[in-house]
Amino acid sequence: MPCSRRTLLQTSLGCTVMAKTAGAMDFAAPDWAEPGDRLSPADHPTETLRARDIIAGAPPILVSPRKPDGELRGSRFSQLLILRLAPTANGPSSGRLLGYTAICSHAGCVVSSWIPGLNLFLCPCHGSEYDPARHGAVVGGPAPAPLPSIPLQDVSGLVEVAGHFSARPGGRTGRTD
């Protein structure tokens, strides 16, 4: 039995209102790092990361940003990977202080592993590999996009966020496994 135009419009309007309400509740803006934030190692959240603590060629350090008032940004989406590539690494990034989101661009898992010798980030969930020497480029696995970078600076010996992410951090597939 065909429905009337009025019924169709009412149903469409109801679905639109429900979708907008659900979206407003489920998709609050993440508490991403902002310029001026200082960084704290994930395993020592009350300490502030010093630039001298980031050794060239060493594995990345997982950190969380702190707002200028000292409050820790609590979202896992705010976590960063900080490293300094060895001076022997190819490319313009060698020896510089680099920061990337720690959230995989595939399914939003935390990129928590490092492949020594190859100097690649590894996401343990689905095996995506990223090259920090090539601006976080995907070099293996199912990730659809590079890891967004974030500019950092040394301010009086402390590591500070100097700008915004190069792209929106987070998973792109909708998967959470």
N, C-alpha and C. Protein backbone atom coordinates (compact mmCIF):
# COMPACT_ATOMS: atom_id res chain seq x y z
N MET A 1 0.85 -1.16 0.00
CA MET A 1 0.00 0.00 0.00
C MET A 1 0.90 1.24 0.00
N PRO A 2 0.75 2.15 -0.93
CA PRO A 2 1.57 3.34 -0.99
C PRO A 2 1.26 4.27 0.19
N CYS A 3 2.29 4.97 0.68
CA CYS A 3 2.07 5.91 1.78
C CYS A 3 1.80 7.29 1.22
N SER A 4 1.13 8.09 2.03
CA SER A 4 0.80 9.45 1.59
C SER A 4 2.05 10.33 1.65
N ARG A 5 1.98 11.42 0.94
CA ARG A 5 3.09 12.39 0.94
C ARG A 5 3.34 12.91 2.35
N ARG A 6 2.26 13.15 3.08
CA ARG A 6 2.35 13.66 4.45
C ARG A 6 3.09 12.66 5.35
N THR A 7 2.76 11.38 5.26
CA THR A 7 3.41 10.35 6.07
C THR A 7 4.90 10.26 5.72
N LEU A 8 5.21 10.34 4.45
CA LEU A 8 6.59 10.28 4.01
C LEU A 8 7.40 11.46 4.57
N LEU A 9 6.85 12.66 4.50
CA LEU A 9 7.53 13.85 5.03
C LEU A 9 7.71 13.78 6.54
N GLN A 10 6.68 13.33 7.26
CA GLN A 10 6.78 13.21 8.72
C GLN A 10 7.86 12.19 9.11
N THR A 11 7.89 11.08 8.42
CA THR A 11 8.89 10.05 8.71
C THR A 11 10.29 10.56 8.43
N SER A 12 10.47 11.24 7.29
CA SER A 12 11.78 11.80 6.94
C SER A 12 12.24 12.82 7.97
N LEU A 13 11.34 13.69 8.39
CA LEU A 13 11.68 14.71 9.38
C LEU A 13 12.06 14.05 10.71
N GLY A 14 11.31 13.06 11.13
CA GLY A 14 11.62 12.36 12.37
C GLY A 14 12.97 11.68 12.33
N CYS A 15 13.30 11.04 11.21
CA CYS A 15 14.61 10.39 11.07
C CYS A 15 15.73 11.40 11.08
N THR A 16 15.52 12.55 10.45
CA THR A 16 16.55 13.59 10.41
C THR A 16 16.81 14.13 11.81
N VAL A 17 15.77 14.41 12.58
CA VAL A 17 15.92 14.91 13.95
C VAL A 17 16.64 13.88 14.82
N MET A 18 16.26 12.62 14.69
CA MET A 18 16.92 11.57 15.48
C MET A 18 18.39 11.45 15.12
N ALA A 19 18.72 11.50 13.85
CA ALA A 19 20.11 11.37 13.42
C ALA A 19 20.95 12.55 13.92
N LYS A 20 20.40 13.76 13.85
CA LYS A 20 21.14 14.93 14.31
C LYS A 20 21.34 14.88 15.82
N THR A 21 20.33 14.45 16.56
CA THR A 21 20.45 14.35 18.01
C THR A 21 21.48 13.30 18.39
N ALA A 22 21.43 12.15 17.75
CA ALA A 22 22.40 11.08 18.04
C ALA A 22 23.79 11.55 17.69
N GLY A 23 23.95 12.22 16.58
CA GLY A 23 25.26 12.72 16.18
C GLY A 23 25.81 13.71 17.18
N ALA A 24 24.99 14.57 17.70
CA ALA A 24 25.45 15.56 18.67
C ALA A 24 25.90 14.89 19.96
N MET A 25 25.27 13.79 20.32
CA MET A 25 25.63 13.12 21.56
C MET A 25 26.87 12.24 21.38
N ASP A 26 27.00 11.55 20.25
CA ASP A 26 28.04 10.57 20.08
C ASP A 26 29.36 11.13 19.57
N PHE A 27 29.36 12.28 18.94
CA PHE A 27 30.55 12.75 18.27
C PHE A 27 31.04 14.08 18.82
N ALA A 28 31.26 14.14 20.12
CA ALA A 28 31.83 15.34 20.72
C ALA A 28 33.26 15.51 20.21
N ALA A 29 33.69 16.75 20.08
CA ALA A 29 35.04 17.02 19.58
C ALA A 29 36.08 16.43 20.53
N PRO A 30 37.07 15.71 19.98
CA PRO A 30 38.12 15.15 20.83
C PRO A 30 38.97 16.27 21.45
N ASP A 31 39.62 15.95 22.51
CA ASP A 31 40.47 16.92 23.21
C ASP A 31 41.88 16.83 22.65
N TRP A 32 42.06 17.25 21.38
CA TRP A 32 43.34 17.15 20.71
C TRP A 32 44.33 18.17 21.25
N ALA A 33 45.60 17.90 21.01
CA ALA A 33 46.68 18.82 21.40
C ALA A 33 46.49 20.16 20.70
N GLU A 34 46.84 21.22 21.41
CA GLU A 34 46.72 22.58 20.90
C GLU A 34 48.05 23.30 21.05
N PRO A 35 48.29 24.34 20.25
CA PRO A 35 49.52 25.13 20.41
C PRO A 35 49.65 25.64 21.85
N GLY A 36 50.86 25.54 22.38
CA GLY A 36 51.13 25.96 23.75
C GLY A 36 51.09 24.83 24.77
N ASP A 37 50.54 23.67 24.37
CA ASP A 37 50.52 22.52 25.28
C ASP A 37 51.94 22.02 25.51
N ARG A 38 52.23 21.64 26.74
CA ARG A 38 53.48 20.96 27.06
C ARG A 38 53.18 19.47 27.08
N LEU A 39 54.20 18.63 27.02
CA LEU A 39 54.01 17.19 26.88
C LEU A 39 54.51 16.42 28.09
N SER A 40 53.76 15.39 28.45
CA SER A 40 54.13 14.51 29.56
C SER A 40 54.22 13.08 29.06
N PRO A 41 55.29 12.35 29.42
CA PRO A 41 55.38 10.94 29.03
C PRO A 41 54.17 10.17 29.58
N ALA A 42 53.62 9.27 28.78
CA ALA A 42 52.44 8.51 29.19
C ALA A 42 52.69 7.72 30.47
N ASP A 43 53.94 7.25 30.66
CA ASP A 43 54.23 6.46 31.86
C ASP A 43 54.63 7.33 33.06
N HIS A 44 54.75 8.65 32.88
CA HIS A 44 55.04 9.59 33.97
C HIS A 44 54.22 10.87 33.75
N PRO A 45 52.89 10.79 33.91
CA PRO A 45 52.02 11.91 33.53
C PRO A 45 52.20 13.20 34.34
N THR A 46 52.92 13.15 35.45
CA THR A 46 53.12 14.38 36.21
C THR A 46 54.41 15.10 35.82
N GLU A 47 55.22 14.48 34.97
CA GLU A 47 56.48 15.10 34.54
C GLU A 47 56.28 15.83 33.21
N THR A 48 57.15 16.78 32.94
CA THR A 48 57.14 17.49 31.67
C THR A 48 58.33 17.03 30.84
N LEU A 49 58.07 16.69 29.59
CA LEU A 49 59.11 16.18 28.70
C LEU A 49 60.10 17.29 28.34
N ARG A 50 61.37 16.98 28.47
CA ARG A 50 62.43 17.93 28.10
C ARG A 50 62.98 17.53 26.74
N ALA A 51 63.36 18.52 25.96
CA ALA A 51 63.89 18.27 24.62
C ALA A 51 65.12 17.37 24.67
N ARG A 52 65.95 17.51 25.70
CA ARG A 52 67.16 16.69 25.80
C ARG A 52 66.85 15.22 26.06
N ASP A 53 65.63 14.91 26.50
CA ASP A 53 65.23 13.52 26.77
C ASP A 53 64.90 12.75 25.49
N ILE A 54 64.80 13.45 24.38
CA ILE A 54 64.46 12.80 23.12
C ILE A 54 65.75 12.59 22.33
N ILE A 55 66.24 11.38 22.39
CA ILE A 55 67.53 11.01 21.82
C ILE A 55 67.37 10.65 20.34
N ALA A 56 68.23 11.21 19.50
CA ALA A 56 68.19 10.90 18.07
C ALA A 56 68.42 9.41 17.85
N GLY A 57 67.55 8.80 17.08
CA GLY A 57 67.67 7.38 16.75
C GLY A 57 66.99 6.45 17.75
N ALA A 58 66.55 6.97 18.89
CA ALA A 58 65.87 6.14 19.90
C ALA A 58 64.41 5.90 19.49
N PRO A 59 63.77 4.87 20.03
CA PRO A 59 62.35 4.64 19.74
C PRO A 59 61.51 5.85 20.16
N PRO A 60 60.33 6.00 19.58
CA PRO A 60 59.47 7.13 19.93
C PRO A 60 58.99 7.04 21.37
N ILE A 61 58.58 8.18 21.89
CA ILE A 61 58.04 8.28 23.24
C ILE A 61 56.55 8.59 23.12
N LEU A 62 55.71 7.81 23.79
CA LEU A 62 54.27 8.06 23.83
C LEU A 62 54.01 9.12 24.88
N VAL A 63 53.35 10.22 24.49
CA VAL A 63 53.12 11.34 25.40
C VAL A 63 51.67 11.80 25.35
N SER A 64 51.29 12.54 26.39
CA SER A 64 50.00 13.20 26.44
C SER A 64 50.23 14.68 26.63
N PRO A 65 49.46 15.51 25.94
CA PRO A 65 49.63 16.96 26.10
C PRO A 65 48.95 17.47 27.37
N ARG A 66 49.53 18.57 27.90
CA ARG A 66 48.97 19.28 29.04
C ARG A 66 48.61 20.68 28.59
N LYS A 67 47.44 21.12 28.95
CA LYS A 67 47.00 22.48 28.64
C LYS A 67 47.92 23.47 29.36
N PRO A 68 47.95 24.72 28.91
CA PRO A 68 48.79 25.72 29.58
C PRO A 68 48.53 25.86 31.08
N ASP A 69 47.30 25.54 31.52
CA ASP A 69 47.00 25.60 32.97
C ASP A 69 47.48 24.36 33.72
N GLY A 70 48.09 23.40 32.99
CA GLY A 70 48.64 22.19 33.62
C GLY A 70 47.73 20.99 33.57
N GLU A 71 46.47 21.17 33.16
CA GLU A 71 45.53 20.05 33.11
C GLU A 71 45.90 19.11 31.96
N LEU A 72 45.95 17.82 32.26
CA LEU A 72 46.28 16.79 31.27
C LEU A 72 45.09 16.59 30.35
N ARG A 73 45.33 16.57 29.05
CA ARG A 73 44.26 16.25 28.10
C ARG A 73 44.06 14.74 28.20
N GLY A 74 42.87 14.33 28.60
CA GLY A 74 42.63 12.94 28.97
C GLY A 74 42.23 12.00 27.86
N SER A 75 41.86 12.50 26.70
CA SER A 75 41.39 11.63 25.63
C SER A 75 42.54 10.83 25.03
N ARG A 76 42.28 9.57 24.71
CA ARG A 76 43.31 8.77 24.04
C ARG A 76 43.62 9.35 22.67
N PHE A 77 42.68 10.10 22.10
CA PHE A 77 42.89 10.73 20.80
C PHE A 77 43.89 11.88 20.87
N SER A 78 44.25 12.29 22.07
CA SER A 78 45.24 13.37 22.21
C SER A 78 46.66 12.83 22.31
N GLN A 79 46.83 11.51 22.42
CA GLN A 79 48.17 10.94 22.58
C GLN A 79 49.02 11.16 21.33
N LEU A 80 50.31 11.40 21.57
CA LEU A 80 51.26 11.67 20.50
C LEU A 80 52.46 10.74 20.58
N LEU A 81 53.09 10.54 19.45
CA LEU A 81 54.38 9.84 19.37
C LEU A 81 55.43 10.89 19.05
N ILE A 82 56.45 11.00 19.90
CA ILE A 82 57.50 12.00 19.74
C ILE A 82 58.82 11.27 19.50
N LEU A 83 59.60 11.75 18.54
CA LEU A 83 60.91 11.16 18.29
C LEU A 83 61.81 12.17 17.59
N ARG A 84 63.07 11.78 17.56
CA ARG A 84 64.08 12.54 16.82
C ARG A 84 64.80 11.50 15.97
N LEU A 85 64.70 11.64 14.65
CA LEU A 85 65.34 10.67 13.76
C LEU A 85 66.85 10.81 13.85
N ALA A 86 67.53 9.70 13.67
CA ALA A 86 68.99 9.70 13.68
C ALA A 86 69.51 10.59 12.56
N PRO A 87 70.60 11.30 12.79
CA PRO A 87 71.15 12.17 11.74
C PRO A 87 71.51 11.44 10.46
N THR A 88 71.65 10.12 10.53
CA THR A 88 71.98 9.35 9.33
C THR A 88 70.75 9.01 8.50
N ALA A 89 69.55 9.27 9.06
CA ALA A 89 68.32 8.97 8.31
C ALA A 89 68.24 9.87 7.08
N ASN A 90 67.67 9.32 6.03
CA ASN A 90 67.51 10.10 4.81
C ASN A 90 66.39 11.11 4.97
N GLY A 91 66.50 12.23 4.29
CA GLY A 91 65.41 13.19 4.25
C GLY A 91 65.64 14.39 5.14
N PRO A 92 64.81 15.40 4.95
CA PRO A 92 64.97 16.66 5.67
C PRO A 92 64.60 16.58 7.15
N SER A 93 63.98 15.49 7.58
CA SER A 93 63.55 15.38 8.98
C SER A 93 64.62 14.84 9.91
N SER A 94 65.77 14.38 9.39
CA SER A 94 66.78 13.75 10.24
C SER A 94 67.29 14.74 11.29
N GLY A 95 67.34 14.27 12.53
CA GLY A 95 67.82 15.07 13.65
C GLY A 95 66.80 16.03 14.23
N ARG A 96 65.70 16.28 13.55
CA ARG A 96 64.68 17.21 14.04
C ARG A 96 63.72 16.52 15.00
N LEU A 97 63.09 17.33 15.84
CA LEU A 97 62.07 16.87 16.76
C LEU A 97 60.77 16.70 15.98
N LEU A 98 60.19 15.49 16.00
CA LEU A 98 58.98 15.19 15.23
C LEU A 98 57.86 14.71 16.14
N GLY A 99 56.64 15.06 15.80
CA GLY A 99 55.47 14.60 16.54
C GLY A 99 54.38 14.12 15.59
N TYR A 100 53.74 13.01 15.95
CA TYR A 100 52.65 12.43 15.17
C TYR A 100 51.54 12.01 16.12
N THR A 101 50.32 11.96 15.61
CA THR A 101 49.25 11.38 16.40
C THR A 101 49.60 9.92 16.67
N ALA A 102 49.17 9.40 17.81
CA ALA A 102 49.39 7.99 18.12
C ALA A 102 48.17 7.15 17.73
N ILE A 103 47.23 7.76 17.01
CA ILE A 103 46.01 7.06 16.63
C ILE A 103 46.09 6.63 15.17
N CYS A 104 45.99 5.34 14.93
CA CYS A 104 46.09 4.76 13.59
C CYS A 104 44.99 5.30 12.68
N SER A 105 45.36 5.59 11.45
CA SER A 105 44.38 6.12 10.49
C SER A 105 43.46 5.03 9.94
N HIS A 106 43.70 3.78 10.31
CA HIS A 106 42.84 2.69 9.83
C HIS A 106 41.62 2.54 10.73
N ALA A 107 41.82 2.02 11.93
CA ALA A 107 40.68 1.73 12.80
C ALA A 107 40.73 2.48 14.12
N GLY A 108 41.66 3.40 14.29
CA GLY A 108 41.70 4.21 15.50
C GLY A 108 42.40 3.56 16.68
N CYS A 109 43.14 2.50 16.45
CA CYS A 109 43.91 1.87 17.53
C CYS A 109 45.11 2.76 17.89
N VAL A 110 45.69 2.53 19.06
CA VAL A 110 46.89 3.27 19.45
C VAL A 110 48.11 2.62 18.79
N VAL A 111 48.85 3.42 18.04
CA VAL A 111 50.08 2.95 17.39
C VAL A 111 51.14 2.91 18.48
N SER A 112 51.37 1.72 19.01
CA SER A 112 52.20 1.62 20.21
C SER A 112 53.48 0.82 20.02
N SER A 113 53.75 0.39 18.79
CA SER A 113 54.95 -0.41 18.56
C SER A 113 55.91 0.30 17.60
N TRP A 114 57.16 -0.12 17.66
CA TRP A 114 58.23 0.46 16.87
C TRP A 114 59.03 -0.68 16.26
N ILE A 115 59.37 -0.57 14.98
CA ILE A 115 60.18 -1.59 14.32
C ILE A 115 61.61 -1.05 14.26
N PRO A 116 62.49 -1.50 15.19
CA PRO A 116 63.87 -1.01 15.16
C PRO A 116 64.57 -1.48 13.90
N GLY A 117 65.56 -0.75 13.49
CA GLY A 117 66.29 -1.08 12.27
C GLY A 117 65.61 -0.50 11.04
N LEU A 118 64.28 -0.65 10.96
CA LEU A 118 63.53 -0.05 9.86
C LEU A 118 63.04 1.36 10.23
N ASN A 119 63.03 1.63 11.53
CA ASN A 119 62.56 2.93 12.05
C ASN A 119 61.15 3.26 11.57
N LEU A 120 60.23 2.33 11.84
CA LEU A 120 58.83 2.50 11.45
C LEU A 120 57.93 2.37 12.66
N PHE A 121 56.84 3.15 12.67
CA PHE A 121 55.78 2.97 13.65
C PHE A 121 54.97 1.75 13.20
N LEU A 122 54.45 0.97 14.17
CA LEU A 122 53.64 -0.21 13.86
C LEU A 122 52.38 -0.18 14.70
N CYS A 123 51.25 -0.33 14.05
CA CYS A 123 49.98 -0.47 14.78
C CYS A 123 49.76 -1.95 15.03
N PRO A 124 49.65 -2.37 16.28
CA PRO A 124 49.52 -3.80 16.59
C PRO A 124 48.15 -4.39 16.23
N CYS A 125 47.15 -3.57 15.98
CA CYS A 125 45.81 -4.10 15.71
C CYS A 125 45.71 -4.81 14.36
N HIS A 126 46.16 -4.15 13.29
CA HIS A 126 46.02 -4.71 11.95
C HIS A 126 47.30 -4.64 11.13
N GLY A 127 48.40 -4.25 11.77
CA GLY A 127 49.70 -4.30 11.11
C GLY A 127 50.07 -3.13 10.22
N SER A 128 49.38 -2.01 10.34
CA SER A 128 49.77 -0.85 9.53
C SER A 128 51.13 -0.34 9.98
N GLU A 129 51.96 0.04 9.01
CA GLU A 129 53.29 0.57 9.28
C GLU A 129 53.38 1.98 8.69
N TYR A 130 54.03 2.86 9.44
CA TYR A 130 54.17 4.27 9.04
C TYR A 130 55.63 4.68 9.13
N ASP A 131 56.07 5.50 8.19
CA ASP A 131 57.45 5.96 8.14
C ASP A 131 57.53 7.42 8.60
N PRO A 132 58.07 7.67 9.79
CA PRO A 132 58.17 9.05 10.27
C PRO A 132 59.14 9.91 9.45
N ALA A 133 60.11 9.28 8.78
CA ALA A 133 61.05 10.03 7.95
C ALA A 133 60.40 10.54 6.67
N ARG A 134 59.26 9.96 6.33
CA ARG A 134 58.52 10.38 5.12
C ARG A 134 57.17 10.95 5.51
N HIS A 135 57.14 11.79 6.53
CA HIS A 135 55.93 12.50 6.97
C HIS A 135 54.81 11.55 7.38
N GLY A 136 55.15 10.42 8.01
CA GLY A 136 54.14 9.48 8.50
C GLY A 136 53.49 8.65 7.41
N ALA A 137 54.12 8.53 6.25
CA ALA A 137 53.55 7.79 5.11
C ALA A 137 53.28 6.34 5.47
N VAL A 138 52.20 5.80 4.93
CA VAL A 138 51.87 4.39 5.10
C VAL A 138 52.81 3.58 4.20
N VAL A 139 53.51 2.61 4.81
CA VAL A 139 54.41 1.76 4.03
C VAL A 139 54.02 0.28 4.10
N GLY A 140 52.96 -0.02 4.84
CA GLY A 140 52.48 -1.39 4.93
C GLY A 140 51.17 -1.45 5.69
N GLY A 141 50.36 -2.47 5.39
CA GLY A 141 49.11 -2.67 6.10
C GLY A 141 47.94 -1.94 5.47
N PRO A 142 46.79 -2.02 6.15
CA PRO A 142 45.55 -1.51 5.57
C PRO A 142 45.26 -0.02 5.79
N ALA A 143 46.12 0.70 6.48
CA ALA A 143 45.84 2.12 6.76
C ALA A 143 45.60 2.90 5.47
N PRO A 144 44.55 3.73 5.44
CA PRO A 144 44.23 4.48 4.22
C PRO A 144 44.92 5.83 4.09
N ALA A 145 45.57 6.28 5.17
CA ALA A 145 46.17 7.63 5.15
C ALA A 145 47.37 7.68 6.07
N PRO A 146 48.29 8.62 5.84
CA PRO A 146 49.44 8.77 6.73
C PRO A 146 49.01 9.20 8.13
N LEU A 147 49.93 9.04 9.09
CA LEU A 147 49.67 9.57 10.43
C LEU A 147 49.81 11.09 10.37
N PRO A 148 48.80 11.83 10.83
CA PRO A 148 48.94 13.28 10.85
C PRO A 148 50.08 13.71 11.79
N SER A 149 50.85 14.67 11.32
CA SER A 149 51.94 15.20 12.13
C SER A 149 51.47 16.43 12.89
N ILE A 150 52.26 16.80 13.90
CA ILE A 150 51.97 18.01 14.67
C ILE A 150 53.30 18.70 14.93
N PRO A 151 53.39 20.01 14.67
CA PRO A 151 54.66 20.70 14.87
C PRO A 151 54.98 20.88 16.35
N LEU A 152 56.26 20.72 16.67
CA LEU A 152 56.74 20.86 18.05
C LEU A 152 57.85 21.89 18.08
N GLN A 153 58.10 22.43 19.28
CA GLN A 153 59.21 23.36 19.45
C GLN A 153 59.83 23.18 20.82
N ASP A 154 61.06 23.60 20.92
CA ASP A 154 61.80 23.59 22.18
C ASP A 154 61.67 24.99 22.77
N VAL A 155 60.99 25.09 23.91
CA VAL A 155 60.81 26.37 24.59
C VAL A 155 61.50 26.27 25.95
N SER A 156 62.64 26.90 26.05
CA SER A 156 63.42 26.88 27.29
C SER A 156 63.72 25.46 27.75
N GLY A 157 63.99 24.58 26.80
CA GLY A 157 64.34 23.20 27.13
C GLY A 157 63.17 22.25 27.26
N LEU A 158 61.93 22.76 27.21
CA LEU A 158 60.74 21.92 27.31
C LEU A 158 60.10 21.76 25.93
N VAL A 159 59.52 20.59 25.67
CA VAL A 159 58.87 20.34 24.39
C VAL A 159 57.44 20.88 24.46
N GLU A 160 57.09 21.68 23.44
CA GLU A 160 55.79 22.33 23.40
C GLU A 160 55.17 22.15 22.01
N VAL A 161 53.84 22.01 21.97
CA VAL A 161 53.13 21.94 20.69
C VAL A 161 53.17 23.33 20.06
N ALA A 162 53.56 23.39 18.77
CA ALA A 162 53.73 24.68 18.10
C ALA A 162 52.64 24.98 17.07
N GLY A 163 51.75 24.04 16.82
CA GLY A 163 50.70 24.26 15.83
C GLY A 163 49.68 23.15 15.88
N HIS A 164 48.88 23.06 14.83
CA HIS A 164 47.81 22.07 14.76
C HIS A 164 48.23 20.86 13.92
N PHE A 165 47.46 19.78 14.03
CA PHE A 165 47.71 18.58 13.24
C PHE A 165 47.64 18.90 11.75
N SER A 166 48.42 18.17 10.96
CA SER A 166 48.42 18.35 9.51
C SER A 166 47.13 17.84 8.86
N ALA A 167 46.42 16.96 9.55
CA ALA A 167 45.14 16.41 9.08
C ALA A 167 44.39 15.91 10.32
N ARG A 168 43.14 15.58 10.16
CA ARG A 168 42.32 15.10 11.27
C ARG A 168 42.82 13.72 11.73
N PRO A 169 43.22 13.61 13.01
CA PRO A 169 43.63 12.29 13.53
C PRO A 169 42.44 11.35 13.68
N GLY A 170 42.73 10.06 13.67
CA GLY A 170 41.69 9.07 13.96
C GLY A 170 41.49 8.09 12.83
N GLY A 171 40.75 7.03 13.16
CA GLY A 171 40.48 5.99 12.20
C GLY A 171 39.53 6.44 11.10
N ARG A 172 39.67 5.82 9.94
CA ARG A 172 38.86 6.20 8.79
C ARG A 172 37.90 5.09 8.34
N THR A 173 37.97 3.92 8.97
CA THR A 173 37.17 2.79 8.47
C THR A 173 35.90 2.56 9.25
N GLY A 174 35.77 3.14 10.43
CA GLY A 174 34.61 2.86 11.26
C GLY A 174 34.79 1.61 12.10
N ARG A 175 35.87 0.84 11.86
CA ARG A 175 36.14 -0.36 12.65
C ARG A 175 36.73 0.05 13.99
N THR A 176 36.46 -0.75 14.99
CA THR A 176 37.02 -0.49 16.30
C THR A 176 37.69 -1.72 16.88
N ASP A 177 37.87 -2.77 16.07
CA ASP A 177 38.50 -3.99 16.59
C ASP A 177 39.99 -4.01 16.31
